[in-house]
N, C-alpha and C. Protein backbone atom coordinates (compact mmCIF):
# COMPACT_ATOMS: atom_id res chain seq x y z
N MET A 1 -75.97 41.70 -125.24
CA MET A 1 -75.67 42.99 -125.84
C MET A 1 -76.91 43.56 -126.53
N SER A 2 -77.67 42.71 -127.19
CA SER A 2 -78.86 43.21 -127.88
C SER A 2 -79.93 43.68 -126.90
N GLU A 3 -79.91 43.14 -125.67
CA GLU A 3 -80.87 43.61 -124.66
C GLU A 3 -80.62 45.09 -124.34
N TYR A 4 -79.35 45.46 -124.24
CA TYR A 4 -79.00 46.86 -123.96
C TYR A 4 -79.40 47.77 -125.12
N LEU A 5 -79.26 47.28 -126.32
CA LEU A 5 -79.65 48.06 -127.49
C LEU A 5 -81.15 48.31 -127.48
N ILE A 6 -81.93 47.28 -127.23
CA ILE A 6 -83.39 47.42 -127.18
C ILE A 6 -83.79 48.33 -126.02
N LEU A 7 -83.17 48.15 -124.88
CA LEU A 7 -83.46 49.00 -123.73
C LEU A 7 -83.11 50.46 -124.02
N GLY A 8 -82.00 50.70 -124.69
CA GLY A 8 -81.60 52.06 -125.07
C GLY A 8 -82.59 52.69 -126.03
N ILE A 9 -83.08 51.93 -127.00
CA ILE A 9 -84.05 52.45 -127.97
C ILE A 9 -85.36 52.79 -127.26
N ILE A 10 -85.80 51.94 -126.35
CA ILE A 10 -87.02 52.21 -125.60
C ILE A 10 -86.84 53.45 -124.74
N LEU A 11 -85.70 53.58 -124.09
CA LEU A 11 -85.42 54.74 -123.24
C LEU A 11 -85.41 56.03 -124.06
N ILE A 12 -84.78 56.01 -125.21
CA ILE A 12 -84.76 57.19 -126.08
C ILE A 12 -86.17 57.55 -126.54
N ALA A 13 -86.97 56.55 -126.88
CA ALA A 13 -88.35 56.80 -127.32
C ALA A 13 -89.18 57.43 -126.20
N VAL A 14 -89.03 56.94 -124.97
CA VAL A 14 -89.78 57.49 -123.85
C VAL A 14 -89.35 58.93 -123.57
N LEU A 15 -88.04 59.18 -123.56
CA LEU A 15 -87.56 60.54 -123.33
C LEU A 15 -88.03 61.49 -124.42
N TRP A 16 -88.00 61.03 -125.66
CA TRP A 16 -88.47 61.86 -126.77
C TRP A 16 -89.96 62.17 -126.62
N PHE A 17 -90.76 61.18 -126.21
CA PHE A 17 -92.19 61.37 -126.08
C PHE A 17 -92.51 62.43 -125.03
N PHE A 18 -91.84 62.39 -123.89
CA PHE A 18 -92.16 63.33 -122.82
C PHE A 18 -91.52 64.69 -123.00
N ASN A 19 -90.51 64.81 -123.85
CA ASN A 19 -89.82 66.09 -124.05
C ASN A 19 -89.98 66.64 -125.46
N ARG A 20 -90.97 66.19 -126.19
CA ARG A 20 -91.08 66.63 -127.59
C ARG A 20 -91.38 68.11 -127.73
N ASP A 21 -92.15 68.69 -126.80
CA ASP A 21 -92.41 70.14 -126.87
C ASP A 21 -91.12 70.92 -126.64
N TRP A 22 -90.33 70.50 -125.66
CA TRP A 22 -89.06 71.18 -125.39
C TRP A 22 -88.13 71.06 -126.59
N ILE A 23 -88.07 69.89 -127.19
CA ILE A 23 -87.20 69.67 -128.35
C ILE A 23 -87.65 70.54 -129.51
N LYS A 24 -88.96 70.59 -129.74
CA LYS A 24 -89.49 71.40 -130.84
C LYS A 24 -89.18 72.88 -130.63
N ASN A 25 -89.41 73.37 -129.41
CA ASN A 25 -89.15 74.78 -129.13
C ASN A 25 -87.66 75.10 -129.13
N ARG A 26 -86.84 74.13 -128.79
CA ARG A 26 -85.39 74.35 -128.75
C ARG A 26 -84.82 74.51 -130.16
N PHE A 27 -85.25 73.68 -131.09
CA PHE A 27 -84.67 73.69 -132.43
C PHE A 27 -85.52 74.46 -133.45
N PHE A 28 -86.82 74.58 -133.21
CA PHE A 28 -87.70 75.29 -134.12
C PHE A 28 -88.59 76.25 -133.34
N PRO A 29 -88.03 77.35 -132.81
CA PRO A 29 -88.85 78.27 -132.01
C PRO A 29 -89.86 79.00 -132.89
N ASP A 30 -91.00 79.36 -132.26
CA ASP A 30 -92.01 80.12 -132.98
C ASP A 30 -91.51 81.54 -133.18
N LYS A 31 -91.60 82.00 -134.40
CA LYS A 31 -91.16 83.35 -134.70
C LYS A 31 -92.29 84.32 -134.42
N GLN A 32 -91.93 85.51 -133.92
CA GLN A 32 -92.92 86.53 -133.63
C GLN A 32 -93.44 87.09 -134.95
N LYS A 33 -94.75 87.15 -135.07
CA LYS A 33 -95.35 87.64 -136.30
C LYS A 33 -95.93 89.03 -136.06
N ASN A 34 -95.36 90.03 -136.72
CA ASN A 34 -95.88 91.39 -136.69
C ASN A 34 -96.10 91.80 -138.14
N TYR A 35 -97.33 92.15 -138.43
CA TYR A 35 -97.66 92.44 -139.82
C TYR A 35 -97.36 93.88 -140.21
N THR A 36 -97.40 94.80 -139.25
CA THR A 36 -97.12 96.20 -139.55
C THR A 36 -96.18 96.76 -138.49
N ILE A 37 -95.69 97.95 -138.73
CA ILE A 37 -94.83 98.62 -137.76
C ILE A 37 -95.62 98.92 -136.48
N ASP A 38 -96.92 99.24 -136.63
CA ASP A 38 -97.76 99.50 -135.46
C ASP A 38 -97.89 98.26 -134.59
N ASP A 39 -98.03 97.09 -135.21
CA ASP A 39 -98.12 95.84 -134.44
C ASP A 39 -96.84 95.62 -133.64
N GLN A 40 -95.70 95.89 -134.26
CA GLN A 40 -94.42 95.74 -133.57
C GLN A 40 -94.33 96.70 -132.39
N PHE A 41 -94.72 97.95 -132.61
CA PHE A 41 -94.68 98.95 -131.54
C PHE A 41 -95.58 98.55 -130.38
N ASN A 42 -96.81 98.13 -130.68
CA ASN A 42 -97.75 97.74 -129.63
C ASN A 42 -97.26 96.51 -128.88
N SER A 43 -96.66 95.58 -129.58
CA SER A 43 -96.12 94.38 -128.95
C SER A 43 -94.99 94.74 -128.00
N ASP A 44 -94.09 95.61 -128.43
CA ASP A 44 -92.99 96.04 -127.58
C ASP A 44 -93.51 96.80 -126.36
N ARG A 45 -94.51 97.63 -126.56
CA ARG A 45 -95.06 98.41 -125.46
C ARG A 45 -95.73 97.50 -124.43
N ARG A 46 -96.47 96.50 -124.91
CA ARG A 46 -97.11 95.55 -123.99
C ARG A 46 -96.07 94.78 -123.19
N GLY A 47 -94.98 94.39 -123.86
CA GLY A 47 -93.92 93.67 -123.17
C GLY A 47 -93.26 94.52 -122.10
N LYS A 48 -93.01 95.78 -122.41
CA LYS A 48 -92.41 96.68 -121.41
C LYS A 48 -93.36 96.91 -120.25
N ARG A 49 -94.64 97.03 -120.54
CA ARG A 49 -95.62 97.27 -119.49
C ARG A 49 -95.69 96.07 -118.54
N LYS A 50 -95.63 94.86 -119.08
CA LYS A 50 -95.67 93.66 -118.25
C LYS A 50 -94.42 93.55 -117.38
N ARG A 51 -93.27 93.90 -117.92
CA ARG A 51 -92.02 93.81 -117.15
C ARG A 51 -91.95 94.85 -116.05
N ASN A 52 -92.51 96.03 -116.27
CA ASN A 52 -92.38 97.12 -115.32
C ASN A 52 -93.52 97.18 -114.31
N ARG A 53 -94.49 96.30 -114.44
CA ARG A 53 -95.63 96.32 -113.53
C ARG A 53 -95.22 95.82 -112.16
N PRO A 54 -95.58 96.56 -111.09
CA PRO A 54 -95.22 96.10 -109.73
C PRO A 54 -96.01 94.85 -109.36
N ALA A 55 -95.46 94.07 -108.43
CA ALA A 55 -96.08 92.82 -108.04
C ALA A 55 -97.41 93.07 -107.32
N PHE A 56 -97.42 94.05 -106.39
CA PHE A 56 -98.63 94.35 -105.64
C PHE A 56 -98.90 95.84 -105.70
N ARG A 57 -100.16 96.20 -105.67
CA ARG A 57 -100.50 97.62 -105.68
C ARG A 57 -100.81 98.10 -104.31
């Protein structure tokens, strides 16, 4: 029984190691930082421009 416990702990540690970025972003996402209203406007405009840009010209 203790072999399964040790194996489970090792498995959890390995999964945590390889997925730590996903776990961090899932529970603690980076918040968007806009210092002024102009920064917010420019950020929104850039986002719209990227979404509306055609794939090929």
